[in-house]
Amino acid sequence: MTHAPIVARRPSGRDARRAERSGPLPDHLRPVRPGMPSGRYHPLSDADVQLIHQTALRLLSEVGLADATESGVEIMTKAGATLSPQGRLLFPKSLVEDTLAKAGRNFVLHGQDPKHDLEPWGKRAYFGTAGAAVNMVDVNGKYRHSTIQDLYDIGRIVDVMDHIHFFQRAVVPRDIPDPFEMDFNTCYAAVMSTTKHVGSSWVMPEQLAASFEMLHLIAGGEQQWRERPFVSQSNCFVVPPMKFAADACKCLEGAVRGGMPVLLLSAGQAGATAPAALAGALAQEVAEVLAGLVYVNAIKPGHPAIFGTWCFVSDLRTGAMSGGSPEQALLSSAAGQMANFYQLTGGTASGMTDSKIPDEQAGAEKALNHALVGNSGINMIYESAGMHASLLGYSLESLVIDNDIIGAAQRTIKGIEVSEERLSFETIKDVCLNGPGHFLGSDQTLQLMQTEYLYPAVGDRRSPNEWIEQGSTNIAERAARKVTEILATHFPGHVPEAIDAEIRRRFPVRLPRAAMKAKG
């Protein structure tokens, strides 16, 4: 059978109107926005939540955590923890309950620009990046080591993505081998690349102290920093199962005393460093993060701390991490329920596809995870854009594609508004009795097309004719063009050059100044 050829058609008035509608919308007309309340998806029943909570309390009081530092033992035993004969720090139920009663709630995660301030409480959902990928990957599957320039470029793209609300360090700059310089430059590149809230991490307190000096310069002084801390610390204070990480604990203490919000991150991997049973993995990680919460509040009651149950998953056939699995979606969503149960700001991971490139597998795994985790009630959703190979690779093209996927997930979070006006009785009546028999030109359609419907930035909805006429591109190709456009034109200048010069005078900044300015 032969088919008639598809003939390209001329642009029409509808094309012009469509192009006009594809432009940026004012905030009050956007169909989705940061921090919309979620919580419609509950993989755990109320009884399940209680059982996990009680198991976590038993783990803390009967098993406890090993390898606490001397300062940690002193801080937590003064608060009411006890040291077992085996050297494990035990946490009585009453201590945990007292901690939960005084823990920080309703704290803002600030951006350098106040328009990007986050209010992560209740069930408001925000999506952002995170991770420690050691490779960059292009659309053809070519992997190479990540650099400080890559980290800065990721932040520049995040800065203009509507649906990515914060920027946490996503790649390791492998061109900077010195640990001090790596940690300092990671924080530097992040805060220079975007005015959104930033997350970073440090290996030793000395690195953190240098970064504080830089952050005070940018903020205008230590007091101004403490009033609006625009960087949070991602802290893996625990080594699952149930052990403290000494250097991370020292950095945790430094962050709390320095006024920096902390993400208390437990990243047990079900079947490896946490039980293969999903309920057991969740109970262990809840216990570990509760121990961290005790630690933080024993230093400074009410200090901003994110309840970071990052429950990872193993492919039990190989033991390798499986970041795009349905079990990952279940565990991350359940983590959201547990944070809501404690009425704490919760953070978890989503979007860590196992695929090595921006392909169909990546889209399917990211969309499944984001739709479920985004609707779980969790506040801070990390790793949500750009990640591949279960956190080993990062793609700039995927960062742009994932912005579309996250936007779509946010649209499911917003849900369907039901009201007398939206039920549309009069509109239906008018079209059927007086109108043309369709709703394309009705006043309601023209009014709601901006606020009720979300349109992708690089996803394709054109007819086959238009698609062929405009080059038959796939989504990765369109994303690559968008990346090139952003990196050629967007150079944030929110930190004055005089401040940057002083930072460079005091510290070994490895990102060339020339890389932070447009050419020509």
Protein backbone atom coordinates (compact mmCIF):
# COMPACT_ATOMS: atom_id res chain seq x y z
CA MET A 1 0.00 0.00 0.00
CA THR A 2 1.28 3.47 -0.86
CA HIS A 3 0.62 6.53 1.20
CA ALA A 4 0.09 10.06 0.03
CA PRO A 5 3.07 12.24 0.89
CA ILE A 6 2.73 14.62 3.80
CA VAL A 7 2.75 18.10 2.37
CA ALA A 8 4.04 21.02 4.39
CA ARG A 9 1.46 23.74 4.84
CA ARG A 10 1.83 27.47 5.11
CA PRO A 11 1.90 29.18 8.49
CA SER A 12 -1.56 30.40 9.42
CA GLY A 13 -3.06 32.98 11.72
CA ARG A 14 -3.45 30.19 14.24
CA ASP A 15 0.34 29.61 14.07
CA ALA A 16 0.95 33.27 14.90
CA ARG A 17 -1.43 33.13 17.85
CA ARG A 18 0.17 29.91 19.02
CA ALA A 19 3.63 31.50 18.88
CA GLU A 20 2.37 34.45 20.91
CA ARG A 21 0.87 32.10 23.50
CA SER A 22 4.14 30.18 23.80
CA GLY A 23 5.92 33.19 25.29
CA PRO A 24 6.54 33.62 29.01
CA LEU A 25 3.48 34.22 31.17
CA PRO A 26 3.16 36.66 34.04
CA ASP A 27 3.21 34.92 37.41
CA HIS A 28 -0.50 35.38 38.11
CA LEU A 29 -1.42 33.53 34.88
CA ARG A 30 0.90 30.53 35.20
CA PRO A 31 -0.93 27.20 35.42
CA VAL A 32 1.61 25.83 37.94
CA ARG A 33 3.83 27.54 40.50
CA PRO A 34 6.46 26.55 43.08
CA GLY A 35 5.17 25.17 46.35
CA MET A 36 1.70 24.01 45.39
CA PRO A 37 0.15 21.78 48.08
CA SER A 38 0.21 18.07 47.27
CA GLY A 39 -0.52 14.89 49.23
CA ARG A 40 -3.05 12.98 47.14
CA TYR A 41 -0.92 9.83 46.84
CA HIS A 42 -0.49 7.70 49.98
CA PRO A 43 1.26 4.32 49.61
CA LEU A 44 1.04 3.86 53.40
CA SER A 45 -2.12 3.58 55.49
CA ASP A 46 -2.35 5.50 58.77
CA ALA A 47 -1.72 2.22 60.60
CA ASP A 48 1.37 1.60 58.45
CA VAL A 49 2.76 5.02 59.35
CA GLN A 50 2.30 4.29 63.04
CA LEU A 51 4.03 0.90 62.74
CA ILE A 52 7.03 2.45 60.98
CA HIS A 53 7.22 5.20 63.59
CA GLN A 54 7.10 2.73 66.48
CA THR A 55 9.72 0.52 64.86
CA ALA A 56 12.00 3.52 64.38
CA LEU A 57 11.63 4.39 68.08
CA ARG A 58 12.55 0.82 69.03
CA LEU A 59 15.58 0.87 66.76
CA LEU A 60 16.79 4.08 68.37
CA SER A 61 16.25 2.93 71.96
CA GLU A 62 17.36 -0.72 71.61
CA VAL A 63 19.93 -0.70 68.78
CA GLY A 64 21.13 2.90 68.60
CA LEU A 65 23.88 4.33 66.41
CA ALA A 66 27.58 3.46 66.50
CA ASP A 67 30.71 5.55 65.92
CA ALA A 68 29.58 8.87 67.37
CA THR A 69 32.35 11.44 67.70
CA GLU A 70 33.49 12.65 71.12
CA SER A 71 31.72 15.96 70.59
CA GLY A 72 28.62 14.17 69.36
CA VAL A 73 28.53 11.91 72.41
CA GLU A 74 28.91 14.91 74.70
CA ILE A 75 26.20 16.90 72.91
CA MET A 76 23.65 14.10 72.70
CA THR A 77 24.21 12.54 76.14
CA LYS A 78 23.68 15.97 77.70
CA ALA A 79 20.35 16.04 75.87
CA GLY A 80 19.34 12.61 77.25
CA ALA A 81 20.92 9.94 75.04
CA THR A 82 22.91 7.15 76.71
CA LEU A 83 26.01 5.23 75.68
CA SER A 84 25.63 1.43 75.70
CA PRO A 85 28.39 -0.97 76.83
CA GLN A 86 28.97 -1.68 73.12
CA GLY A 87 29.63 2.02 72.52
CA ARG A 88 26.37 2.66 70.68
CA LEU A 89 24.44 5.85 71.34
CA LEU A 90 20.89 5.00 72.45
CA PHE A 91 17.97 7.40 72.18
CA PRO A 92 15.08 6.97 74.65
CA LYS A 93 11.59 7.40 73.28
CA SER A 94 11.03 10.46 75.50
CA LEU A 95 14.13 12.18 74.04
CA VAL A 96 12.90 11.66 70.49
CA GLU A 97 9.42 12.90 71.35
CA ASP A 98 10.82 15.97 73.12
CA THR A 99 12.98 16.67 70.08
CA LEU A 100 10.01 16.41 67.72
CA ALA A 101 8.11 18.87 69.89
CA LYS A 102 10.80 21.57 69.63
CA ALA A 103 12.14 20.86 66.13
CA GLY A 104 12.21 23.73 63.65
CA ARG A 105 9.14 24.12 61.46
CA ASN A 106 7.87 26.66 58.95
CA PHE A 107 11.35 27.94 58.09
CA VAL A 108 12.09 29.64 54.79
CA LEU A 109 14.84 28.42 52.48
CA HIS A 110 16.04 31.70 51.06
CA GLY A 111 17.24 32.55 47.59
CA GLN A 112 19.70 35.34 46.95
CA ASP A 113 16.73 36.95 45.19
CA PRO A 114 13.70 36.94 47.54
CA LYS A 115 11.40 36.03 44.63
CA HIS A 116 12.96 32.54 44.82
CA ASP A 117 12.36 32.05 48.55
CA LEU A 118 10.89 28.62 49.32
CA GLU A 119 8.30 27.91 52.02
CA PRO A 120 8.66 24.14 52.43
CA TRP A 121 6.09 23.28 55.06
CA GLY A 122 2.67 21.70 55.12
CA LYS A 123 2.58 19.70 51.90
CA ARG A 124 4.06 22.28 49.55
CA ALA A 125 6.20 20.65 46.89
CA TYR A 126 9.43 22.02 45.39
CA PHE A 127 11.67 20.34 42.81
CA GLY A 128 15.41 20.81 42.48
CA THR A 129 18.72 19.23 41.61
CA ALA A 130 21.25 17.38 43.77
CA GLY A 131 23.81 14.63 43.59
CA ALA A 132 27.47 13.93 43.12
CA ALA A 133 27.66 12.67 39.56
CA VAL A 134 31.23 12.16 38.42
CA ASN A 135 30.50 12.26 34.69
CA MET A 136 28.76 14.41 32.11
CA VAL A 137 26.93 12.63 29.30
CA ASP A 138 25.82 14.06 25.96
CA VAL A 139 22.83 13.02 23.86
CA ASN A 140 24.97 10.47 21.97
CA GLY A 141 25.96 8.64 25.14
CA LYS A 142 29.51 9.94 25.38
CA TYR A 143 30.67 10.13 29.00
CA ARG A 144 33.47 12.34 30.31
CA HIS A 145 34.62 13.57 33.71
CA SER A 146 32.63 16.49 35.15
CA THR A 147 34.35 19.83 35.82
CA ILE A 148 33.81 23.05 37.75
CA GLN A 149 32.69 24.67 34.49
CA ASP A 150 30.00 22.00 34.15
CA LEU A 151 28.74 22.73 37.66
CA TYR A 152 28.53 26.45 36.89
CA ASP A 153 26.76 25.78 33.59
CA ILE A 154 24.19 23.51 35.28
CA GLY A 155 23.40 26.31 37.72
CA ARG A 156 23.02 28.83 34.89
CA ILE A 157 20.45 26.60 33.21
CA VAL A 158 18.62 25.95 36.50
CA ASP A 159 18.47 29.72 36.97
CA VAL A 160 16.10 30.05 33.98
CA MET A 161 14.08 26.84 34.34
CA ASP A 162 10.55 27.63 35.52
CA HIS A 163 9.90 24.25 37.13
CA ILE A 164 13.24 23.69 38.88
CA HIS A 165 13.01 25.66 42.07
CA PHE A 166 16.42 25.24 43.75
CA PHE A 167 19.96 24.26 42.81
CA GLN A 168 21.83 21.74 44.89
CA ARG A 169 25.30 20.65 43.77
CA ALA A 170 24.76 18.07 41.01
CA VAL A 171 28.25 17.05 39.85
CA VAL A 172 31.71 16.68 41.37
CA PRO A 173 34.36 18.94 39.76
CA ARG A 174 36.92 16.25 39.02
CA ASP A 175 39.34 18.80 37.61
CA ILE A 176 39.96 20.04 41.18
CA PRO A 177 41.68 17.20 43.10
CA ASP A 178 42.40 19.12 46.31
CA PRO A 179 39.50 18.50 48.77
CA PHE A 180 39.61 22.01 50.22
CA GLU A 181 39.57 23.66 46.82
CA MET A 182 36.91 21.27 45.53
CA ASP A 183 34.45 22.03 48.33
CA PHE A 184 35.09 25.77 48.27
CA ASN A 185 34.79 26.03 44.49
CA THR A 186 31.67 23.87 44.45
CA CYS A 187 29.90 26.32 46.74
CA TYR A 188 31.37 29.30 44.84
CA ALA A 189 30.23 28.09 41.42
CA ALA A 190 26.76 27.30 42.73
CA VAL A 191 26.08 30.68 44.36
CA MET A 192 27.50 32.52 41.37
CA SER A 193 25.36 30.63 38.86
CA THR A 194 21.87 31.30 40.21
CA THR A 195 19.84 33.47 42.57
CA LYS A 196 17.75 30.45 43.62
CA HIS A 197 18.36 28.63 46.90
CA VAL A 198 21.56 26.59 46.76
CA GLY A 199 22.62 23.38 48.47
CA SER A 200 26.19 22.17 48.81
CA SER A 201 28.28 19.83 50.96
CA TRP A 202 31.63 19.84 52.72
CA VAL A 203 34.05 17.11 53.78
CA MET A 204 35.79 18.94 56.63
CA PRO A 205 34.94 21.89 58.91
CA GLU A 206 37.89 23.88 57.53
CA GLN A 207 36.30 23.89 54.06
CA LEU A 208 33.00 24.99 55.56
CA ALA A 209 34.64 27.84 57.48
CA ALA A 210 36.15 29.24 54.29
CA SER A 211 32.79 29.04 52.53
CA PHE A 212 31.14 30.88 55.42
CA GLU A 213 33.64 33.71 54.94
CA MET A 214 32.69 33.89 51.26
CA LEU A 215 28.95 33.74 51.98
CA HIS A 216 29.23 36.55 54.52
CA LEU A 217 30.93 38.70 51.88
CA ILE A 218 28.14 38.02 49.37
CA ALA A 219 25.38 38.61 51.94
CA GLY A 220 26.90 41.88 53.17
CA GLY A 221 28.01 40.58 56.57
CA GLU A 222 27.51 37.71 58.99
CA GLN A 223 24.35 39.18 60.46
CA GLN A 224 22.79 39.60 57.01
CA TRP A 225 23.73 36.00 56.22
CA ARG A 226 22.11 34.71 59.39
CA GLU A 227 18.93 36.64 58.61
CA ARG A 228 18.70 35.18 55.09
CA PRO A 229 20.91 32.09 54.70
CA PHE A 230 20.69 31.25 50.99
CA VAL A 231 22.77 28.06 51.10
CA SER A 232 21.90 24.84 52.91
CA GLN A 233 24.23 22.00 53.80
CA SER A 234 23.58 18.53 52.45
CA ASN A 235 24.95 16.32 55.20
CA CYS A 236 25.33 12.53 55.10
CA PHE A 237 25.86 12.38 58.86
CA VAL A 238 25.01 8.69 58.98
CA VAL A 239 26.53 5.64 57.34
CA PRO A 240 23.74 3.07 57.01
CA PRO A 241 23.06 0.85 58.76
CA MET A 242 22.94 2.90 61.97
CA LYS A 243 26.43 4.43 62.24
CA PHE A 244 27.57 8.02 62.43
CA ALA A 245 30.00 9.48 59.87
CA ALA A 246 32.65 11.35 61.87
CA ASP A 247 33.74 14.09 59.45
CA ALA A 248 30.18 14.78 58.32
CA CYS A 249 29.10 15.14 61.96
CA LYS A 250 31.78 17.78 62.51
CA CYS A 251 30.49 19.68 59.48
CA LEU A 252 26.94 19.30 60.80
CA GLU A 253 27.92 20.96 64.06
CA GLY A 254 29.62 23.77 62.12
CA ALA A 255 26.57 24.36 59.95
CA VAL A 256 24.19 24.60 62.89
CA ARG A 257 26.44 27.00 64.76
CA GLY A 258 26.97 29.04 61.58
CA GLY A 259 23.26 29.52 60.91
CA MET A 260 23.12 27.28 57.83
CA PRO A 261 20.03 25.08 57.25
CA VAL A 262 20.90 21.38 57.06
CA LEU A 263 19.55 18.51 55.03
CA LEU A 264 19.81 15.49 57.34
CA LEU A 265 20.45 12.87 54.72
CA SER A 266 20.22 9.14 55.26
CA ALA A 267 20.78 7.26 51.99
CA GLY A 268 20.40 3.59 52.85
CA GLN A 269 20.04 1.28 49.85
CA ALA A 270 17.35 -1.37 50.25
CA GLY A 271 18.90 -4.81 49.93
CA ALA A 272 22.43 -3.51 50.57
CA THR A 273 22.81 -1.01 53.42
CA ALA A 274 19.15 -1.26 54.47
CA PRO A 275 16.77 -4.24 54.60
CA ALA A 276 15.43 -5.60 51.32
CA ALA A 277 11.93 -5.31 52.79
CA LEU A 278 10.75 -1.84 51.82
CA ALA A 279 8.99 -1.26 55.16
CA GLY A 280 12.17 -2.20 57.03
CA ALA A 281 14.32 0.05 54.85
CA LEU A 282 11.99 2.96 55.54
CA ALA A 283 11.90 2.27 59.30
CA GLN A 284 15.71 2.19 59.46
CA GLU A 285 16.09 5.48 57.60
CA VAL A 286 13.41 7.18 59.66
CA ALA A 287 15.32 6.10 62.78
CA GLU A 288 18.60 7.40 61.40
CA VAL A 289 17.18 10.80 60.48
CA LEU A 290 15.42 11.10 63.84
CA ALA A 291 18.83 10.58 65.47
CA GLY A 292 20.18 13.43 63.34
CA LEU A 293 17.26 15.59 64.41
CA VAL A 294 18.16 14.95 68.05
CA TYR A 295 21.75 15.91 67.26
CA VAL A 296 20.79 19.21 65.61
CA ASN A 297 18.31 20.25 68.28
CA ALA A 298 20.71 19.35 71.07
CA ILE A 299 23.09 21.94 69.58
CA LYS A 300 20.45 24.56 68.83
CA PRO A 301 16.75 23.91 69.44
CA GLY A 302 14.57 24.74 66.44
CA HIS A 303 17.44 25.03 63.95
CA PRO A 304 16.22 24.58 60.34
CA ALA A 305 16.70 20.90 59.47
CA ILE A 306 15.21 18.97 56.56
CA PHE A 307 14.02 15.44 57.30
CA GLY A 308 15.99 13.76 54.53
CA THR A 309 14.96 10.13 54.18
CA TRP A 310 16.55 9.27 50.81
CA CYS A 311 15.60 5.60 50.59
CA PHE A 312 17.52 4.13 47.67
CA VAL A 313 16.84 0.78 45.99
CA SER A 314 19.01 -2.13 44.84
CA ASP A 315 18.47 -4.31 41.82
CA LEU A 316 18.74 -7.52 43.81
CA ARG A 317 19.99 -9.46 40.79
CA THR A 318 23.23 -7.47 40.82
CA GLY A 319 23.28 -5.31 43.94
CA ALA A 320 23.55 -2.19 41.79
CA MET A 321 21.47 0.86 42.64
CA SER A 322 18.21 1.22 40.72
CA GLY A 323 17.19 4.86 40.84
CA GLY A 324 14.39 4.65 38.28
CA SER A 325 12.53 1.66 39.71
CA PRO A 326 8.90 1.59 40.85
CA GLU A 327 10.18 0.59 44.30
CA GLN A 328 12.09 3.87 44.34
CA ALA A 329 8.88 5.75 43.67
CA LEU A 330 7.15 3.89 46.49
CA LEU A 331 9.89 4.50 49.05
CA SER A 332 10.32 8.18 48.20
CA SER A 333 6.56 8.69 48.37
CA ALA A 334 6.37 6.89 51.70
CA ALA A 335 9.17 9.15 52.95
CA GLY A 336 6.88 12.07 52.17
CA GLN A 337 4.16 10.56 54.31
CA MET A 338 6.53 10.09 57.23
CA ALA A 339 7.71 13.71 57.08
CA ASN A 340 4.06 14.84 56.99
CA PHE A 341 3.33 12.60 60.00
CA TYR A 342 6.01 14.43 61.99
CA GLN A 343 4.94 17.79 60.50
CA LEU A 344 8.54 18.39 59.48
CA THR A 345 10.02 19.78 56.28
CA GLY A 346 10.75 16.61 54.33
CA GLY A 347 13.22 15.95 51.56
CA THR A 348 13.69 12.92 49.34
CA ALA A 349 14.96 11.93 45.91
CA SER A 350 13.15 11.36 42.60
CA GLY A 351 14.11 11.25 38.95
CA MET A 352 17.33 9.18 39.18
CA THR A 353 16.82 7.17 36.03
CA ASP A 354 18.87 4.03 35.38
CA SER A 355 19.09 4.95 31.70
CA LYS A 356 22.48 6.16 30.51
CA ILE A 357 21.16 8.75 28.01
CA PRO A 358 18.10 10.99 27.50
CA ASP A 359 15.93 8.29 25.92
CA GLU A 360 12.50 6.65 26.26
CA GLN A 361 13.52 4.73 29.38
CA ALA A 362 14.69 7.92 31.05
CA GLY A 363 11.44 9.72 30.28
CA ALA A 364 9.29 6.85 31.51
CA GLU A 365 11.19 6.37 34.77
CA LYS A 366 11.39 10.06 35.58
CA ALA A 367 7.73 10.70 34.80
CA LEU A 368 6.53 7.78 36.94
CA ASN A 369 8.65 8.79 39.91
CA HIS A 370 7.88 12.51 39.71
CA ALA A 371 4.13 12.04 39.37
CA LEU A 372 3.96 9.80 42.44
CA VAL A 373 6.58 11.45 44.64
CA GLY A 374 5.34 14.93 43.73
CA ASN A 375 1.85 13.97 44.92
CA SER A 376 3.03 12.35 48.17
CA GLY A 377 3.18 15.54 50.25
CA ILE A 378 6.99 15.72 50.42
CA ASN A 379 8.35 19.26 50.42
CA MET A 380 11.79 19.10 48.81
CA ILE A 381 12.33 16.77 45.85
CA TYR A 382 16.02 16.38 45.06
CA GLU A 383 17.89 14.75 42.15
CA SER A 384 14.89 15.66 40.02
CA ALA A 385 16.58 16.95 36.85
CA GLY A 386 19.51 15.93 34.70
CA MET A 387 20.56 12.70 36.41
CA HIS A 388 21.38 9.46 34.59
CA ALA A 389 22.88 6.05 35.32
CA SER A 390 21.53 6.07 38.89
CA LEU A 391 23.46 9.22 39.86
CA LEU A 392 26.69 8.51 37.96
CA GLY A 393 26.06 10.74 34.91
CA TYR A 394 24.60 14.18 34.30
CA SER A 395 23.10 15.61 31.12
CA LEU A 396 22.47 19.26 30.33
CA GLU A 397 19.93 18.23 27.70
CA SER A 398 18.05 16.14 30.26
CA LEU A 399 18.03 19.10 32.61
CA VAL A 400 15.91 20.95 30.03
CA ILE A 401 13.76 17.91 29.19
CA ASP A 402 13.18 17.19 32.86
CA ASN A 403 11.96 20.74 33.36
CA ASP A 404 9.04 19.77 31.10
CA ILE A 405 8.46 16.50 32.97
CA ILE A 406 8.48 18.27 36.33
CA GLY A 407 6.05 20.86 35.00
CA ALA A 408 3.70 18.09 33.93
CA ALA A 409 4.01 16.45 37.36
CA GLN A 410 3.22 19.80 38.97
CA ARG A 411 0.09 20.04 36.85
CA THR A 412 -1.11 16.76 38.39
CA ILE A 413 -0.31 18.23 41.82
CA LYS A 414 -2.52 21.23 41.10
CA GLY A 415 -5.39 18.93 40.19
CA ILE A 416 -8.84 19.89 38.90
CA GLU A 417 -10.67 22.93 40.20
CA VAL A 418 -14.37 22.23 40.61
CA SER A 419 -16.64 25.25 41.02
CA GLU A 420 -19.93 26.50 39.68
CA GLU A 421 -18.07 28.46 37.00
CA ARG A 422 -15.75 25.56 36.09
CA LEU A 423 -18.66 23.11 35.78
CA SER A 424 -19.47 25.21 32.71
CA PHE A 425 -23.24 24.70 32.50
CA GLU A 426 -23.90 28.10 30.92
CA THR A 427 -20.98 27.72 28.51
CA ILE A 428 -22.22 24.31 27.35
CA LYS A 429 -25.76 25.66 27.02
CA ASP A 430 -24.64 28.65 24.97
CA VAL A 431 -22.47 26.61 22.59
CA CYS A 432 -25.15 23.97 22.06
CA LEU A 433 -28.12 26.32 21.63
CA ASN A 434 -26.59 29.47 20.18
CA GLY A 435 -23.04 28.76 19.13
CA PRO A 436 -21.05 26.88 16.51
CA GLY A 437 -21.18 23.49 18.24
CA HIS A 438 -17.61 23.60 19.55
CA PHE A 439 -15.71 25.43 22.28
CA LEU A 440 -12.56 26.52 20.43
CA GLY A 441 -13.46 30.20 20.31
CA SER A 442 -15.57 30.52 23.43
CA ASP A 443 -14.74 33.20 26.00
CA GLN A 444 -14.09 30.54 28.63
CA THR A 445 -11.62 28.68 26.41
CA LEU A 446 -9.65 31.84 25.66
CA GLN A 447 -9.65 32.76 29.33
CA LEU A 448 -8.54 29.37 30.66
CA MET A 449 -5.97 28.46 28.05
CA GLN A 450 -3.37 30.41 30.06
CA THR A 451 -4.28 29.30 33.59
CA GLU A 452 -5.73 25.81 33.19
CA TYR A 453 -3.33 24.29 30.66
CA LEU A 454 0.42 23.79 30.80
CA TYR A 455 2.50 23.78 27.62
CA PRO A 456 5.90 22.07 27.26
CA ALA A 457 9.02 24.03 26.39
CA VAL A 458 10.82 21.34 24.35
CA GLY A 459 8.16 18.64 24.13
CA ASP A 460 6.55 18.46 20.69
CA ARG A 461 2.81 18.80 20.02
CA ARG A 462 2.93 19.86 16.39
CA SER A 463 1.21 18.04 13.55
CA PRO A 464 3.37 15.67 11.47
CA ASN A 465 3.33 18.26 8.67
CA GLU A 466 4.71 21.01 10.91
CA TRP A 467 7.24 18.64 12.50
CA ILE A 468 8.65 17.65 9.10
CA GLU A 469 8.63 21.23 7.89
CA GLN A 470 10.65 22.35 10.89
CA GLY A 471 13.34 19.69 10.69
CA SER A 472 11.89 16.45 12.15
CA THR A 473 13.84 16.95 15.36
CA ASN A 474 13.60 14.71 18.40
CA ILE A 475 13.35 16.03 21.94
CA ALA A 476 17.05 15.57 22.68
CA GLU A 477 17.97 17.67 19.65
CA ARG A 478 15.57 20.42 20.65
CA ALA A 479 16.90 20.34 24.21
CA ALA A 480 20.47 20.59 22.91
CA ARG A 481 19.53 23.73 20.98
CA LYS A 482 17.98 25.20 24.12
CA VAL A 483 21.10 24.42 26.15
CA THR A 484 23.30 26.11 23.56
CA GLU A 485 21.06 29.18 23.56
CA ILE A 486 21.06 29.52 27.36
CA LEU A 487 24.79 29.02 27.78
CA ALA A 488 25.52 31.58 25.07
CA THR A 489 23.29 34.28 26.54
CA HIS A 490 22.65 33.80 30.27
CA PHE A 491 25.46 35.00 32.55
CA PRO A 492 24.10 35.85 36.02
CA GLY A 493 25.60 39.02 37.48
CA HIS A 494 23.90 39.18 40.86
CA VAL A 495 27.19 39.20 42.81
CA PRO A 496 28.99 42.53 42.28
CA GLU A 497 32.38 42.29 40.59
CA ALA A 498 34.05 44.00 43.55
CA ILE A 499 32.80 41.27 45.88
CA ASP A 500 33.88 38.59 43.45
CA ALA A 501 37.32 40.19 43.21
CA GLU A 502 37.68 40.12 46.99
CA ILE A 503 36.65 36.45 47.11
CA ARG A 504 39.23 35.67 44.44
CA ARG A 505 41.88 37.61 46.36
CA ARG A 506 41.27 35.58 49.52
CA PHE A 507 40.60 32.13 48.11
CA PRO A 508 41.76 29.84 45.28
CA VAL A 509 38.84 30.25 42.87
CA ARG A 510 39.28 27.85 39.95
CA LEU A 511 36.42 29.03 37.75
CA PRO A 512 37.95 31.54 35.27
CA ARG A 513 36.36 34.96 35.36
CA ALA A 514 36.23 34.86 31.55
CA ALA A 515 33.92 31.84 31.75
CA MET A 516 31.39 33.95 33.63
CA LYS A 517 30.97 36.65 30.98
CA ALA A 518 29.46 36.69 27.51
CA LYS A 519 31.95 36.64 24.66
CA GLY A 520 32.32 39.71 22.43
